[in-house]
Amino acid sequence: VCVPHDEAERRVEGALAAGGRLVSAERAPAFWVLADLEGNEVCVT
């Protein structure tokens, strides 16, 4: 999911608040890897 750079952290925080899990922020701000409870991943880019 490609988002404007000035909204990325807010989107990541929203996903975590909704029950997501941070898998990696190693490449931020290029992308963050998140996962749901079933292990499905999404990159906020």
All heavy atoms as atom14 arrays in JSON, in Angstrom:
{
  "sequence": "VCVPHDEAERRVEGALAAGGRLVSAERAPAFWVLADLEGNEVCVT",
  "atom14_mask": [
    [1, 1, 1, 1, 1, 1, 1, 0, 0, 0, 0, 0, 0, 0],
    [1, 1, 1, 1, 1, 1, 0, 0, 0, 0, 0, 0, 0, 0],
    [1, 1, 1, 1, 1, 1, 1, 0, 0, 0, 0, 0, 0, 0],
    [1, 1, 1, 1, 1, 1, 1, 0, 0, 0, 0, 0, 0, 0],
    [1, 1, 1, 1, 1, 1, 1, 1, 1, 1, 0, 0, 0, 0],
    [1, 1, 1, 1, 1, 1, 1, 1, 0, 0, 0, 0, 0, 0],
    [1, 1, 1, 1, 1, 1, 1, 1, 1, 0, 0, 0, 0, 0],
    [1, 1, 1, 1, 1, 0, 0, 0, 0, 0, 0, 0, 0, 0],
    [1, 1, 1, 1, 1, 1, 1, 1, 1, 0, 0, 0, 0, 0],
    [1, 1, 1, 1, 1, 1, 1, 1, 1, 1, 1, 0, 0, 0],
    [1, 1, 1, 1, 1, 1, 1, 1, 1, 1, 1, 0, 0, 0],
    [1, 1, 1, 1, 1, 1, 1, 0, 0, 0, 0, 0, 0, 0],
    [1, 1, 1, 1, 1, 1, 1, 1, 1, 0, 0, 0, 0, 0],
    [1, 1, 1, 1, 0, 0, 0, 0, 0, 0, 0, 0, 0, 0],
    [1, 1, 1, 1, 1, 0, 0, 0, 0, 0, 0, 0, 0, 0],
    [1, 1, 1, 1, 1, 1, 1, 1, 0, 0, 0, 0, 0, 0],
    [1, 1, 1, 1, 1, 0, 0, 0, 0, 0, 0, 0, 0, 0],
    [1, 1, 1, 1, 1, 0, 0, 0, 0, 0, 0, 0, 0, 0],
    [1, 1, 1, 1, 0, 0, 0, 0, 0, 0, 0, 0, 0, 0],
    [1, 1, 1, 1, 0, 0, 0, 0, 0, 0, 0, 0, 0, 0],
    [1, 1, 1, 1, 1, 1, 1, 1, 1, 1, 1, 0, 0, 0],
    [1, 1, 1, 1, 1, 1, 1, 1, 0, 0, 0, 0, 0, 0],
    [1, 1, 1, 1, 1, 1, 1, 0, 0, 0, 0, 0, 0, 0],
    [1, 1, 1, 1, 1, 1, 0, 0, 0, 0, 0, 0, 0, 0],
    [1, 1, 1, 1, 1, 0, 0, 0, 0, 0, 0, 0, 0, 0],
    [1, 1, 1, 1, 1, 1, 1, 1, 1, 0, 0, 0, 0, 0],
    [1, 1, 1, 1, 1, 1, 1, 1, 1, 1, 1, 0, 0, 0],
    [1, 1, 1, 1, 1, 0, 0, 0, 0, 0, 0, 0, 0, 0],
    [1, 1, 1, 1, 1, 1, 1, 0, 0, 0, 0, 0, 0, 0],
    [1, 1, 1, 1, 1, 0, 0, 0, 0, 0, 0, 0, 0, 0],
    [1, 1, 1, 1, 1, 1, 1, 1, 1, 1, 1, 0, 0, 0],
    [1, 1, 1, 1, 1, 1, 1, 1, 1, 1, 1, 1, 1, 1],
    [1, 1, 1, 1, 1, 1, 1, 0, 0, 0, 0, 0, 0, 0],
    [1, 1, 1, 1, 1, 1, 1, 1, 0, 0, 0, 0, 0, 0],
    [1, 1, 1, 1, 1, 0, 0, 0, 0, 0, 0, 0, 0, 0],
    [1, 1, 1, 1, 1, 1, 1, 1, 0, 0, 0, 0, 0, 0],
    [1, 1, 1, 1, 1, 1, 1, 1, 0, 0, 0, 0, 0, 0],
    [1, 1, 1, 1, 1, 1, 1, 1, 1, 0, 0, 0, 0, 0],
    [1, 1, 1, 1, 0, 0, 0, 0, 0, 0, 0, 0, 0, 0],
    [1, 1, 1, 1, 1, 1, 1, 1, 0, 0, 0, 0, 0, 0],
    [1, 1, 1, 1, 1, 1, 1, 1, 1, 0, 0, 0, 0, 0],
    [1, 1, 1, 1, 1, 1, 1, 0, 0, 0, 0, 0, 0, 0],
    [1, 1, 1, 1, 1, 1, 0, 0, 0, 0, 0, 0, 0, 0],
    [1, 1, 1, 1, 1, 1, 1, 0, 0, 0, 0, 0, 0, 0],
    [1, 1, 1, 1, 1, 1, 1, 0, 0, 0, 0, 0, 0, 0]
  ],
  "atom14_positions": [
    [[0.86, -1.18, 0.0], [0.0, 0.0, 0.0], [0.9, 1.22, 0.0], [1.62, 1.47, 0.97], [-0.93, 0.0, 1.23], [-1.81, 1.24, 1.23], [-1.77, -1.27, 1.28], [0.0, 0.0, 0.0], [0.0, 0.0, 0.0], [0.0, 0.0, 0.0], [0.0, 0.0, 0.0], [0.0, 0.0, 0.0], [0.0, 0.0, 0.0], [0.0, 0.0, 0.0]],
    [[0.88, 1.96, -1.1], [1.7, 3.16, -1.22], [0.9, 4.35, -0.71], [-0.23, 4.57, -1.15], [2.1, 3.37, -2.67], [3.29, 4.71, -2.87], [0.0, 0.0, 0.0], [0.0, 0.0, 0.0], [0.0, 0.0, 0.0], [0.0, 0.0, 0.0], [0.0, 0.0, 0.0], [0.0, 0.0, 0.0], [0.0, 0.0, 0.0], [0.0, 0.0, 0.0]],
    [[1.48, 5.07, 0.25], [0.8, 6.22, 0.86], [1.72, 7.44, 0.77], [2.93, 7.3, 0.62], [0.43, 5.94, 2.33], [-0.51, 4.75, 2.43], [1.66, 5.71, 3.19], [0.0, 0.0, 0.0], [0.0, 0.0, 0.0], [0.0, 0.0, 0.0], [0.0, 0.0, 0.0], [0.0, 0.0, 0.0], [0.0, 0.0, 0.0], [0.0, 0.0, 0.0]],
    [[1.15, 8.64, 0.9], [1.99, 9.83, 0.94], [2.97, 9.75, 2.12], [2.6, 9.27, 3.2], [1.0, 10.98, 1.13], [-0.3, 10.44, 0.61], [-0.28, 8.98, 0.95], [0.0, 0.0, 0.0], [0.0, 0.0, 0.0], [0.0, 0.0, 0.0], [0.0, 0.0, 0.0], [0.0, 0.0, 0.0], [0.0, 0.0, 0.0], [0.0, 0.0, 0.0]],
    [[4.19, 10.2, 1.9], [5.22, 10.04, 2.93], [4.84, 10.69, 4.26], [5.21, 10.19, 5.31], [6.57, 10.58, 2.44], [6.6, 12.07, 2.3], [6.1, 12.72, 1.21], [7.05, 13.02, 3.15], [6.25, 14.02, 1.37], [6.82, 14.24, 2.54], [0.0, 0.0, 0.0], [0.0, 0.0, 0.0], [0.0, 0.0, 0.0], [0.0, 0.0, 0.0]],
    [[4.05, 11.77, 4.2], [3.69, 12.46, 5.43], [2.52, 11.8, 6.17], [2.15, 12.24, 7.25], [3.4, 13.93, 5.16], [2.3, 14.16, 4.14], [1.94, 13.22, 3.41], [1.81, 15.3, 4.07], [0.0, 0.0, 0.0], [0.0, 0.0, 0.0], [0.0, 0.0, 0.0], [0.0, 0.0, 0.0], [0.0, 0.0, 0.0], [0.0, 0.0, 0.0]],
    [[1.95, 10.72, 5.62], [0.89, 9.98, 6.29], [1.31, 8.57, 6.7], [0.55, 7.88, 7.37], [-0.33, 9.88, 5.38], [-1.04, 11.19, 5.18], [-2.41, 10.99, 4.56], [-2.98, 9.9, 4.69], [-2.89, 11.95, 3.95], [0.0, 0.0, 0.0], [0.0, 0.0, 0.0], [0.0, 0.0, 0.0], [0.0, 0.0, 0.0], [0.0, 0.0, 0.0]],
    [[2.47, 8.14, 6.3], [2.87, 6.74, 6.49], [2.87, 6.32, 7.96], [2.31, 5.28, 8.31], [4.24, 6.48, 5.86], [0.0, 0.0, 0.0], [0.0, 0.0, 0.0], [0.0, 0.0, 0.0], [0.0, 0.0, 0.0], [0.0, 0.0, 0.0], [0.0, 0.0, 0.0], [0.0, 0.0, 0.0], [0.0, 0.0, 0.0], [0.0, 0.0, 0.0]],
    [[3.51, 7.1, 8.81], [3.58, 6.69, 10.22], [2.19, 6.64, 10.86], [1.91, 5.75, 11.65], [4.52, 7.61, 10.99], [5.97, 7.36, 10.6], [6.96, 8.1, 11.48], [6.7, 8.24, 12.69], [7.98, 8.54, 10.95], [0.0, 0.0, 0.0], [0.0, 0.0, 0.0], [0.0, 0.0, 0.0], [0.0, 0.0, 0.0], [0.0, 0.0, 0.0]],
    [[1.32, 7.56, 10.48], [-0.05, 7.54, 11.01], [-0.79, 6.29, 10.55], [-1.52, 5.67, 11.32], [-0.79, 8.79, 10.56], [-2.19, 8.91, 11.14], [-2.89, 10.19, 10.7], [-3.12, 10.27, 9.27], [-4.16, 9.68, 8.64], [-5.03, 9.01, 9.33], [-4.28, 9.81, 7.34], [0.0, 0.0, 0.0], [0.0, 0.0, 0.0], [0.0, 0.0, 0.0]],
    [[-0.58, 5.89, 9.31], [-1.22, 4.67, 8.79], [-0.7, 3.43, 9.51], [-1.46, 2.52, 9.84], [-1.0, 4.54, 7.29], [-1.55, 5.65, 6.46], [-3.08, 5.59, 6.36], [-3.57, 6.63, 5.5], [-3.94, 6.46, 4.24], [-3.85, 5.27, 3.68], [-4.39, 7.47, 3.53], [0.0, 0.0, 0.0], [0.0, 0.0, 0.0], [0.0, 0.0, 0.0]],
    [[0.62, 3.38, 9.75], [1.2, 2.24, 10.47], [0.63, 2.19, 11.89], [0.22, 1.13, 12.37], [2.74, 2.33, 10.48], [3.34, 1.3, 11.44], [3.3, 2.13, 9.07], [0.0, 0.0, 0.0], [0.0, 0.0, 0.0], [0.0, 0.0, 0.0], [0.0, 0.0, 0.0], [0.0, 0.0, 0.0], [0.0, 0.0, 0.0], [0.0, 0.0, 0.0]],
    [[0.61, 3.33, 12.56], [0.06, 3.38, 13.93], [-1.4, 2.94, 13.96], [-1.81, 2.21, 14.86], [0.19, 4.79, 14.5], [1.63, 5.18, 14.79], [1.81, 6.66, 15.11], [0.78, 7.4, 15.19], [2.96, 7.08, 15.28], [0.0, 0.0, 0.0], [0.0, 0.0, 0.0], [0.0, 0.0, 0.0], [0.0, 0.0, 0.0], [0.0, 0.0, 0.0]],
    [[-2.17, 3.33, 12.96], [-3.57, 2.92, 12.88], [-3.71, 1.41, 12.71], [-4.57, 0.79, 13.33], [0.0, 0.0, 0.0], [0.0, 0.0, 0.0], [0.0, 0.0, 0.0], [0.0, 0.0, 0.0], [0.0, 0.0, 0.0], [0.0, 0.0, 0.0], [0.0, 0.0, 0.0], [0.0, 0.0, 0.0], [0.0, 0.0, 0.0], [0.0, 0.0, 0.0]],
    [[-2.87, 0.84, 11.88], [-2.91, -0.61, 11.67], [-2.53, -1.36, 12.95], [-3.14, -2.38, 13.29], [-1.99, -1.01, 10.53], [0.0, 0.0, 0.0], [0.0, 0.0, 0.0], [0.0, 0.0, 0.0], [0.0, 0.0, 0.0], [0.0, 0.0, 0.0], [0.0, 0.0, 0.0], [0.0, 0.0, 0.0], [0.0, 0.0, 0.0], [0.0, 0.0, 0.0]],
    [[-1.54, -0.86, 13.66], [-1.14, -1.49, 14.93], [-2.25, -1.36, 15.97], [-2.54, -2.33, 16.7], [0.15, -0.87, 15.44], [1.39, -1.06, 14.55], [2.58, -0.32, 15.13], [1.7, -2.53, 14.34], [0.0, 0.0, 0.0], [0.0, 0.0, 0.0], [0.0, 0.0, 0.0], [0.0, 0.0, 0.0], [0.0, 0.0, 0.0], [0.0, 0.0, 0.0]],
    [[-2.91, -0.22, 16.03], [-4.01, -0.01, 16.97], [-5.19, -0.93, 16.67], [-5.93, -1.31, 17.57], [-4.45, 1.45, 16.95], [0.0, 0.0, 0.0], [0.0, 0.0, 0.0], [0.0, 0.0, 0.0], [0.0, 0.0, 0.0], [0.0, 0.0, 0.0], [0.0, 0.0, 0.0], [0.0, 0.0, 0.0], [0.0, 0.0, 0.0], [0.0, 0.0, 0.0]],
    [[-5.34, -1.3, 15.4], [-6.43, -2.18, 14.99], [-6.09, -3.66, 15.19], [-6.89, -4.53, 14.83], [-6.79, -1.92, 13.54], [0.0, 0.0, 0.0], [0.0, 0.0, 0.0], [0.0, 0.0, 0.0], [0.0, 0.0, 0.0], [0.0, 0.0, 0.0], [0.0, 0.0, 0.0], [0.0, 0.0, 0.0], [0.0, 0.0, 0.0], [0.0, 0.0, 0.0]],
    [[-4.91, -3.97, 15.73], [-4.55, -5.36, 16.0], [-3.46, -5.92, 15.13], [-3.1, -7.09, 15.25], [0.0, 0.0, 0.0], [0.0, 0.0, 0.0], [0.0, 0.0, 0.0], [0.0, 0.0, 0.0], [0.0, 0.0, 0.0], [0.0, 0.0, 0.0], [0.0, 0.0, 0.0], [0.0, 0.0, 0.0], [0.0, 0.0, 0.0], [0.0, 0.0, 0.0]],
    [[-2.91, -5.11, 14.24], [-1.8, -5.57, 13.4], [-0.52, -5.69, 14.22], [-0.44, -5.24, 15.35], [0.0, 0.0, 0.0], [0.0, 0.0, 0.0], [0.0, 0.0, 0.0], [0.0, 0.0, 0.0], [0.0, 0.0, 0.0], [0.0, 0.0, 0.0], [0.0, 0.0, 0.0], [0.0, 0.0, 0.0], [0.0, 0.0, 0.0], [0.0, 0.0, 0.0]],
    [[0.46, -6.31, 13.61], [1.75, -6.53, 14.26], [2.85, -6.0, 13.34], [2.83, -6.23, 12.14], [1.93, -8.04, 14.49], [3.25, -8.47, 15.05], [3.26, -9.97, 15.33], [2.97, -10.78, 14.16], [3.89, -11.23, 13.3], [5.16, -10.94, 13.46], [3.54, -11.98, 12.27], [0.0, 0.0, 0.0], [0.0, 0.0, 0.0], [0.0, 0.0, 0.0]],
    [[3.81, -5.29, 13.93], [4.95, -4.8, 13.15], [5.94, -5.94, 12.97], [6.44, -6.51, 13.94], [5.63, -3.63, 13.87], [6.83, -3.02, 13.17], [6.42, -2.39, 11.84], [7.49, -1.98, 14.06], [0.0, 0.0, 0.0], [0.0, 0.0, 0.0], [0.0, 0.0, 0.0], [0.0, 0.0, 0.0], [0.0, 0.0, 0.0], [0.0, 0.0, 0.0]],
    [[6.2, -6.29, 11.73], [7.17, -7.34, 11.41], [8.56, -6.73, 11.25], [9.53, -7.26, 11.77], [6.76, -8.1, 10.12], [7.83, -9.1, 9.72], [5.41, -8.78, 10.31], [0.0, 0.0, 0.0], [0.0, 0.0, 0.0], [0.0, 0.0, 0.0], [0.0, 0.0, 0.0], [0.0, 0.0, 0.0], [0.0, 0.0, 0.0], [0.0, 0.0, 0.0]],
    [[8.63, -5.59, 10.55], [9.92, -4.95, 10.33], [9.73, -3.48, 9.98], [8.86, -3.13, 9.2], [10.69, -5.64, 9.2], [11.89, -4.95, 8.92], [0.0, 0.0, 0.0], [0.0, 0.0, 0.0], [0.0, 0.0, 0.0], [0.0, 0.0, 0.0], [0.0, 0.0, 0.0], [0.0, 0.0, 0.0], [0.0, 0.0, 0.0], [0.0, 0.0, 0.0]],
    [[10.6, -2.66, 10.56], [10.68, -1.25, 10.18], [12.11, -0.94, 9.73], [12.51, 0.21, 9.67], [10.29, -0.36, 11.35], [0.0, 0.0, 0.0], [0.0, 0.0, 0.0], [0.0, 0.0, 0.0], [0.0, 0.0, 0.0], [0.0, 0.0, 0.0], [0.0, 0.0, 0.0], [0.0, 0.0, 0.0], [0.0, 0.0, 0.0], [0.0, 0.0, 0.0]],
    [[12.85, -1.98, 9.42], [14.26, -1.87, 9.05], [14.47, -0.96, 7.84], [15.47, -0.26, 7.75], [14.82, -3.26, 8.77], [16.27, -3.3, 8.43], [16.78, -4.71, 8.22], [16.39, -5.61, 8.99], [17.54, -4.92, 7.27], [0.0, 0.0, 0.0], [0.0, 0.0, 0.0], [0.0, 0.0, 0.0], [0.0, 0.0, 0.0], [0.0, 0.0, 0.0]],
    [[13.53, -0.96, 6.9], [13.69, -0.17, 5.67], [12.86, 1.12, 5.67], [12.72, 1.78, 4.65], [13.31, -1.02, 4.46], [14.17, -2.23, 4.21], [15.52, -1.92, 3.59], [15.48, -1.04, 2.45], [15.31, -1.39, 1.19], [15.17, -2.66, 0.87], [15.29, -0.5, 0.22], [0.0, 0.0, 0.0], [0.0, 0.0, 0.0], [0.0, 0.0, 0.0]],
    [[12.27, 1.47, 6.82], [11.5, 2.72, 6.9], [12.43, 3.89, 6.67], [13.6, 3.84, 7.06], [10.83, 2.81, 8.27], [0.0, 0.0, 0.0], [0.0, 0.0, 0.0], [0.0, 0.0, 0.0], [0.0, 0.0, 0.0], [0.0, 0.0, 0.0], [0.0, 0.0, 0.0], [0.0, 0.0, 0.0], [0.0, 0.0, 0.0], [0.0, 0.0, 0.0]],
    [[12.02, 4.91, 5.99], [10.66, 5.23, 5.57], [10.27, 4.69, 4.19], [9.2, 5.02, 3.7], [10.64, 6.75, 5.57], [12.02, 7.1, 5.09], [12.91, 6.04, 5.71], [0.0, 0.0, 0.0], [0.0, 0.0, 0.0], [0.0, 0.0, 0.0], [0.0, 0.0, 0.0], [0.0, 0.0, 0.0], [0.0, 0.0, 0.0], [0.0, 0.0, 0.0]],
    [[11.1, 3.88, 3.58], [10.72, 3.3, 2.29], [9.55, 2.35, 2.46], [8.58, 2.39, 1.7], [11.9, 2.57, 1.65], [0.0, 0.0, 0.0], [0.0, 0.0, 0.0], [0.0, 0.0, 0.0], [0.0, 0.0, 0.0], [0.0, 0.0, 0.0], [0.0, 0.0, 0.0], [0.0, 0.0, 0.0], [0.0, 0.0, 0.0], [0.0, 0.0, 0.0]],
    [[9.61, 1.48, 3.48], [8.46, 0.62, 3.79], [8.56, 0.0, 5.17], [9.63, -0.18, 5.72], [8.24, -0.46, 2.72], [9.34, -1.45, 2.55], [9.39, -2.61, 3.31], [10.33, -1.25, 1.6], [10.4, -3.55, 3.13], [11.35, -2.17, 1.42], [11.38, -3.32, 2.19], [0.0, 0.0, 0.0], [0.0, 0.0, 0.0], [0.0, 0.0, 0.0]],
    [[7.37, -0.28, 5.71], [7.19, -1.0, 6.96], [6.45, -2.28, 6.6], [5.54, -2.27, 5.78], [6.3, -0.24, 7.92], [6.84, 1.03, 8.48], [7.35, 1.19, 9.74], [6.91, 2.31, 7.86], [7.73, 2.51, 9.91], [7.46, 3.22, 8.77], [6.54, 2.8, 6.61], [7.66, 4.55, 8.48], [6.74, 4.13, 6.31], [7.3, 4.99, 7.24]],
    [[6.81, -3.4, 7.22], [6.12, -4.67, 6.98], [5.25, -4.94, 8.21], [5.75, -4.98, 9.34], [7.1, -5.83, 6.76], [6.33, -7.12, 6.46], [8.09, -5.52, 5.64], [0.0, 0.0, 0.0], [0.0, 0.0, 0.0], [0.0, 0.0, 0.0], [0.0, 0.0, 0.0], [0.0, 0.0, 0.0], [0.0, 0.0, 0.0], [0.0, 0.0, 0.0]],
    [[3.96, -5.13, 7.97], [3.0, -5.42, 9.03], [2.36, -6.77, 8.75], [2.4, -7.27, 7.62], [1.91, -4.35, 9.07], [2.39, -2.91, 9.17], [1.22, -1.96, 8.96], [3.04, -2.66, 10.5], [0.0, 0.0, 0.0], [0.0, 0.0, 0.0], [0.0, 0.0, 0.0], [0.0, 0.0, 0.0], [0.0, 0.0, 0.0], [0.0, 0.0, 0.0]],
    [[1.75, -7.37, 9.77], [1.05, -8.64, 9.58], [-0.23, -8.64, 10.41], [-0.31, -7.99, 11.46], [1.93, -9.82, 9.99], [0.0, 0.0, 0.0], [0.0, 0.0, 0.0], [0.0, 0.0, 0.0], [0.0, 0.0, 0.0], [0.0, 0.0, 0.0], [0.0, 0.0, 0.0], [0.0, 0.0, 0.0], [0.0, 0.0, 0.0], [0.0, 0.0, 0.0]],
    [[-1.21, -9.41, 9.94], [-2.43, -9.61, 10.73], [-2.26, -10.85, 11.6], [-1.19, -11.48, 11.62], [-3.66, -9.69, 9.82], [-3.69, -10.92, 8.92], [-2.87, -11.86, 9.09], [-4.57, -10.95, 8.03], [0.0, 0.0, 0.0], [0.0, 0.0, 0.0], [0.0, 0.0, 0.0], [0.0, 0.0, 0.0], [0.0, 0.0, 0.0], [0.0, 0.0, 0.0]],
    [[-3.31, -11.21, 12.33], [-3.23, -12.35, 13.24], [-2.97, -13.67, 12.54], [-2.43, -14.6, 13.14], [-4.52, -12.44, 14.07], [-4.75, -11.3, 15.04], [-6.12, -11.43, 15.71], [-3.65, -11.24, 16.08], [0.0, 0.0, 0.0], [0.0, 0.0, 0.0], [0.0, 0.0, 0.0], [0.0, 0.0, 0.0], [0.0, 0.0, 0.0], [0.0, 0.0, 0.0]],
    [[-3.32, -13.77, 11.26], [-3.11, -15.0, 10.5], [-1.76, -15.04, 9.8], [-1.44, -16.01, 9.13], [-4.24, -15.18, 9.48], [-5.58, -15.4, 10.12], [-6.68, -15.59, 9.1], [-6.39, -15.5, 7.88], [-7.81, -15.83, 9.51], [0.0, 0.0, 0.0], [0.0, 0.0, 0.0], [0.0, 0.0, 0.0], [0.0, 0.0, 0.0], [0.0, 0.0, 0.0]],
    [[-0.98, -13.98, 9.94], [0.34, -13.96, 9.32], [0.38, -13.36, 7.94], [1.43, -13.33, 7.29], [0.0, 0.0, 0.0], [0.0, 0.0, 0.0], [0.0, 0.0, 0.0], [0.0, 0.0, 0.0], [0.0, 0.0, 0.0], [0.0, 0.0, 0.0], [0.0, 0.0, 0.0], [0.0, 0.0, 0.0], [0.0, 0.0, 0.0], [0.0, 0.0, 0.0]],
    [[-0.78, -12.88, 7.43], [-0.79, -12.21, 6.13], [-0.07, -10.88, 6.27], [-0.29, -10.14, 7.23], [-2.23, -11.98, 5.66], [-2.96, -13.28, 5.48], [-2.53, -14.15, 4.74], [-4.07, -13.44, 6.19], [0.0, 0.0, 0.0], [0.0, 0.0, 0.0], [0.0, 0.0, 0.0], [0.0, 0.0, 0.0], [0.0, 0.0, 0.0], [0.0, 0.0, 0.0]],
    [[0.78, -10.58, 5.33], [1.6, -9.38, 5.43], [1.14, -8.28, 4.48], [0.55, -8.54, 3.44], [3.06, -9.72, 5.13], [3.66, -10.64, 6.16], [5.11, -10.98, 5.88], [5.62, -10.65, 4.79], [5.73, -11.58, 6.76], [0.0, 0.0, 0.0], [0.0, 0.0, 0.0], [0.0, 0.0, 0.0], [0.0, 0.0, 0.0], [0.0, 0.0, 0.0]],
    [[1.43, -7.05, 4.88], [1.2, -5.88, 4.05], [2.38, -4.95, 4.26], [2.91, -4.85, 5.37], [-0.13, -5.17, 4.41], [-0.15, -4.67, 5.83], [-0.42, -4.04, 3.44], [0.0, 0.0, 0.0], [0.0, 0.0, 0.0], [0.0, 0.0, 0.0], [0.0, 0.0, 0.0], [0.0, 0.0, 0.0], [0.0, 0.0, 0.0], [0.0, 0.0, 0.0]],
    [[2.82, -4.33, 3.19], [3.87, -3.31, 3.3], [3.23, -1.95, 3.09], [2.53, -1.74, 2.1], [4.96, -3.53, 2.24], [5.97, -4.98, 2.55], [0.0, 0.0, 0.0], [0.0, 0.0, 0.0], [0.0, 0.0, 0.0], [0.0, 0.0, 0.0], [0.0, 0.0, 0.0], [0.0, 0.0, 0.0], [0.0, 0.0, 0.0], [0.0, 0.0, 0.0]],
    [[3.47, -1.06, 4.03], [3.09, 0.33, 3.87], [4.32, 1.01, 3.29], [5.38, 1.01, 3.9], [2.68, 0.96, 5.22], [2.4, 2.44, 5.05], [1.46, 0.24, 5.8], [0.0, 0.0, 0.0], [0.0, 0.0, 0.0], [0.0, 0.0, 0.0], [0.0, 0.0, 0.0], [0.0, 0.0, 0.0], [0.0, 0.0, 0.0], [0.0, 0.0, 0.0]],
    [[4.18, 1.54, 2.08], [5.33, 2.04, 1.34], [5.21, 3.53, 1.04], [4.11, 4.07, 0.95], [5.52, 1.3, 0.01], [4.47, 1.66, -0.88], [5.53, -0.2, 0.21], [0.0, 0.0, 0.0], [0.0, 0.0, 0.0], [0.0, 0.0, 0.0], [0.0, 0.0, 0.0], [0.0, 0.0, 0.0], [0.0, 0.0, 0.0], [0.0, 0.0, 0.0]]
  ]
}
